[in-house]
Amino acid sequence: MPETYAAPLVDASTETFEQLAYFFAEPGPVDAVDPSAVEGVVAVAFSGVSNGGVVLQLAGGILPSLAANMLGLESGASVSEQQDALGETANVICGNVLPRIAGTTAVFALGVPQRFESWQSALDALGPIAAHVRLDVEGGRADIALVLQAAS
């Protein structure tokens, strides 16, 4: 994985978790995820000077807290609110990483966040990984992939 994509993806993702959900996030080793621990997978496609997407997978019980923090709730968030929070987090990560990799003058159109049954099904829909990072977040983890499609 080119370092030119991994570092901006870590920076954009860490910033998003810290500012959007008030979560401390720290890079961790990219390794296998226990499928039973996965809480959700969402992807945001983009088009512009390059095409691709960002895939976000959360695991380890952090999704309810993420949604509650984002919405300013004292008690738990509904399943629907949790899924919306997951999608919005992916959307913000995508919006934050693109200027870091393509420059601030590049123009992109972001798609609507789409839920997937698995990490692999999201990658099958979007294309090959240009960078894959993991963040350890509040006792759980977030896996984030940047997908860049080959120029046609």
Protein backbone atom coordinates (compact mmCIF):
# COMPACT_ATOMS: atom_id res chain seq x y z
CA MET A 1 0.00 0.00 0.00
CA PRO A 2 1.53 3.32 -1.00
CA GLU A 3 2.32 5.48 2.00
CA THR A 4 1.04 8.43 -0.01
CA TYR A 5 -2.51 7.12 0.49
CA ALA A 6 -2.24 5.50 3.93
CA ALA A 7 -1.08 8.58 5.83
CA PRO A 8 -3.82 10.90 4.50
CA LEU A 9 -6.42 8.19 5.15
CA VAL A 10 -5.27 7.80 8.76
CA ASP A 11 -5.23 11.58 9.24
CA ALA A 12 -8.68 12.12 7.72
CA SER A 13 -10.21 9.20 9.63
CA THR A 14 -8.67 10.14 12.97
CA GLU A 15 -9.78 13.74 12.57
CA THR A 16 -13.31 12.62 11.69
CA PHE A 17 -13.70 10.34 14.72
CA GLU A 18 -12.29 12.98 17.05
CA GLN A 19 -14.31 15.94 15.75
CA LEU A 20 -17.56 14.24 14.75
CA ALA A 21 -17.99 11.73 17.57
CA TYR A 22 -15.53 12.89 20.25
CA PHE A 23 -13.71 9.54 20.04
CA PHE A 24 -10.00 9.11 20.53
CA ALA A 25 -8.67 7.05 17.62
CA GLU A 26 -5.23 5.53 17.22
CA PRO A 27 -3.77 3.55 14.30
CA GLY A 28 -3.58 -0.19 14.88
CA PRO A 29 -2.41 -3.24 12.95
CA VAL A 30 -4.44 -4.21 9.89
CA ASP A 31 -5.45 -7.79 10.63
CA ALA A 32 -8.47 -10.06 10.31
CA VAL A 33 -11.72 -9.00 11.95
CA ASP A 34 -13.95 -11.46 13.77
CA PRO A 35 -17.07 -11.43 11.54
CA SER A 36 -19.34 -11.76 14.58
CA ALA A 37 -17.95 -8.47 15.95
CA VAL A 38 -18.77 -6.44 12.82
CA GLU A 39 -21.50 -3.86 13.45
CA GLY A 40 -21.79 -2.44 9.97
CA VAL A 41 -20.13 -1.79 6.65
CA VAL A 42 -20.83 1.25 4.52
CA ALA A 43 -19.23 2.76 1.44
CA VAL A 44 -19.29 6.18 -0.18
CA ALA A 45 -18.42 6.27 -3.87
CA PHE A 46 -16.92 9.35 -5.50
CA SER A 47 -16.25 10.58 -9.00
CA GLY A 48 -14.24 13.47 -10.34
CA VAL A 49 -10.57 13.78 -11.24
CA SER A 50 -10.45 10.13 -10.15
CA ASN A 51 -13.15 7.62 -9.25
CA GLY A 52 -13.38 5.30 -6.30
CA GLY A 53 -14.76 5.21 -2.81
CA VAL A 54 -14.21 4.93 0.90
CA VAL A 55 -15.29 1.81 2.79
CA LEU A 56 -15.84 1.96 6.55
CA GLN A 57 -16.36 -1.07 8.79
CA LEU A 58 -16.96 -0.81 12.53
CA ALA A 59 -16.50 -3.67 14.97
CA GLY A 60 -16.39 -4.21 18.70
CA GLY A 61 -19.46 -2.44 20.04
CA ILE A 62 -18.69 1.18 19.20
CA LEU A 63 -21.57 1.97 16.84
CA PRO A 64 -24.19 2.80 19.53
CA SER A 65 -21.78 5.23 21.25
CA LEU A 66 -20.74 6.74 17.93
CA ALA A 67 -24.37 7.53 17.07
CA ALA A 68 -25.21 8.80 20.56
CA ASN A 69 -22.17 11.10 20.58
CA MET A 70 -22.87 12.42 17.10
CA LEU A 71 -26.52 13.13 17.95
CA GLY A 72 -25.85 14.43 21.46
CA LEU A 73 -28.06 11.79 23.05
CA GLU A 74 -27.91 10.88 26.73
CA SER A 75 -29.45 7.47 26.11
CA GLY A 76 -28.96 5.01 23.27
CA ALA A 77 -29.60 5.70 19.61
CA SER A 78 -32.06 3.66 17.57
CA VAL A 79 -30.81 1.15 14.99
CA SER A 80 -31.82 3.55 12.24
CA GLU A 81 -29.90 6.41 13.88
CA GLN A 82 -26.87 4.13 14.27
CA GLN A 83 -26.91 3.24 10.57
CA ASP A 84 -27.29 6.92 9.63
CA ALA A 85 -24.32 7.79 11.88
CA LEU A 86 -22.21 5.08 10.24
CA GLY A 87 -23.03 6.44 6.79
CA GLU A 88 -22.37 10.02 7.80
CA THR A 89 -19.01 9.05 9.31
CA ALA A 90 -17.97 7.39 6.04
CA ASN A 91 -19.19 10.42 4.11
CA VAL A 92 -17.13 12.83 6.24
CA ILE A 93 -14.02 10.61 6.04
CA CYS A 94 -14.39 10.55 2.27
CA GLY A 95 -14.80 14.31 2.10
CA ASN A 96 -11.78 14.81 4.34
CA VAL A 97 -9.41 12.44 2.55
CA LEU A 98 -9.98 13.56 -1.04
CA PRO A 99 -8.38 17.02 -0.71
CA ARG A 100 -5.44 15.37 1.05
CA ILE A 101 -4.75 13.05 -1.87
CA ALA A 102 -5.91 15.11 -4.87
CA GLY A 103 -5.35 18.68 -3.72
CA THR A 104 -7.75 21.33 -2.53
CA THR A 105 -8.72 22.49 -6.02
CA ALA A 106 -9.83 19.05 -7.24
CA VAL A 107 -13.59 18.67 -7.62
CA PHE A 108 -15.42 15.47 -6.65
CA ALA A 109 -19.02 14.34 -6.46
CA LEU A 110 -19.78 12.08 -3.49
CA GLY A 111 -22.46 9.44 -3.67
CA VAL A 112 -24.97 8.51 -1.02
CA PRO A 113 -23.59 6.15 1.65
CA GLN A 114 -24.53 2.55 0.85
CA ARG A 115 -24.72 -0.29 3.36
CA PHE A 116 -23.14 -3.64 2.55
CA GLU A 117 -23.42 -7.07 4.10
CA SER A 118 -19.65 -7.45 4.35
CA TRP A 119 -16.31 -5.73 3.79
CA GLN A 120 -15.69 -7.95 0.79
CA SER A 121 -19.04 -7.17 -0.84
CA ALA A 122 -18.26 -3.45 -0.58
CA LEU A 123 -14.86 -3.97 -2.20
CA ASP A 124 -16.41 -6.14 -4.90
CA ALA A 125 -18.76 -3.24 -5.72
CA LEU A 126 -16.12 -0.48 -5.67
CA GLY A 127 -12.83 -1.96 -6.81
CA PRO A 128 -9.28 -2.58 -5.60
CA ILE A 129 -7.90 -1.14 -2.37
CA ALA A 130 -5.36 1.66 -2.70
CA ALA A 131 -4.98 1.92 1.10
CA HIS A 132 -6.39 0.04 4.10
CA VAL A 133 -5.96 1.36 7.62
CA ARG A 134 -7.25 0.39 11.03
CA LEU A 135 -8.03 2.66 13.92
CA ASP A 136 -8.51 1.46 17.47
CA VAL A 137 -11.48 3.45 18.70
CA GLU A 138 -12.93 3.38 22.23
CA GLY A 139 -12.38 -0.35 22.75
CA GLY A 140 -13.51 -1.27 19.24
CA ARG A 141 -12.06 -0.78 15.82
CA ALA A 142 -12.67 0.90 12.53
CA ASP A 143 -11.30 -0.42 9.27
CA ILE A 144 -11.19 2.12 6.48
CA ALA A 145 -10.26 1.49 2.85
CA LEU A 146 -9.62 3.93 0.07
CA VAL A 147 -10.55 2.49 -3.30
CA LEU A 148 -9.23 4.03 -6.49
CA GLN A 149 -10.39 2.73 -9.83
CA ALA A 150 -8.01 2.44 -12.74
CA ALA A 151 -8.32 5.18 -15.35
CA SER A 152 -10.36 4.07 -18.35
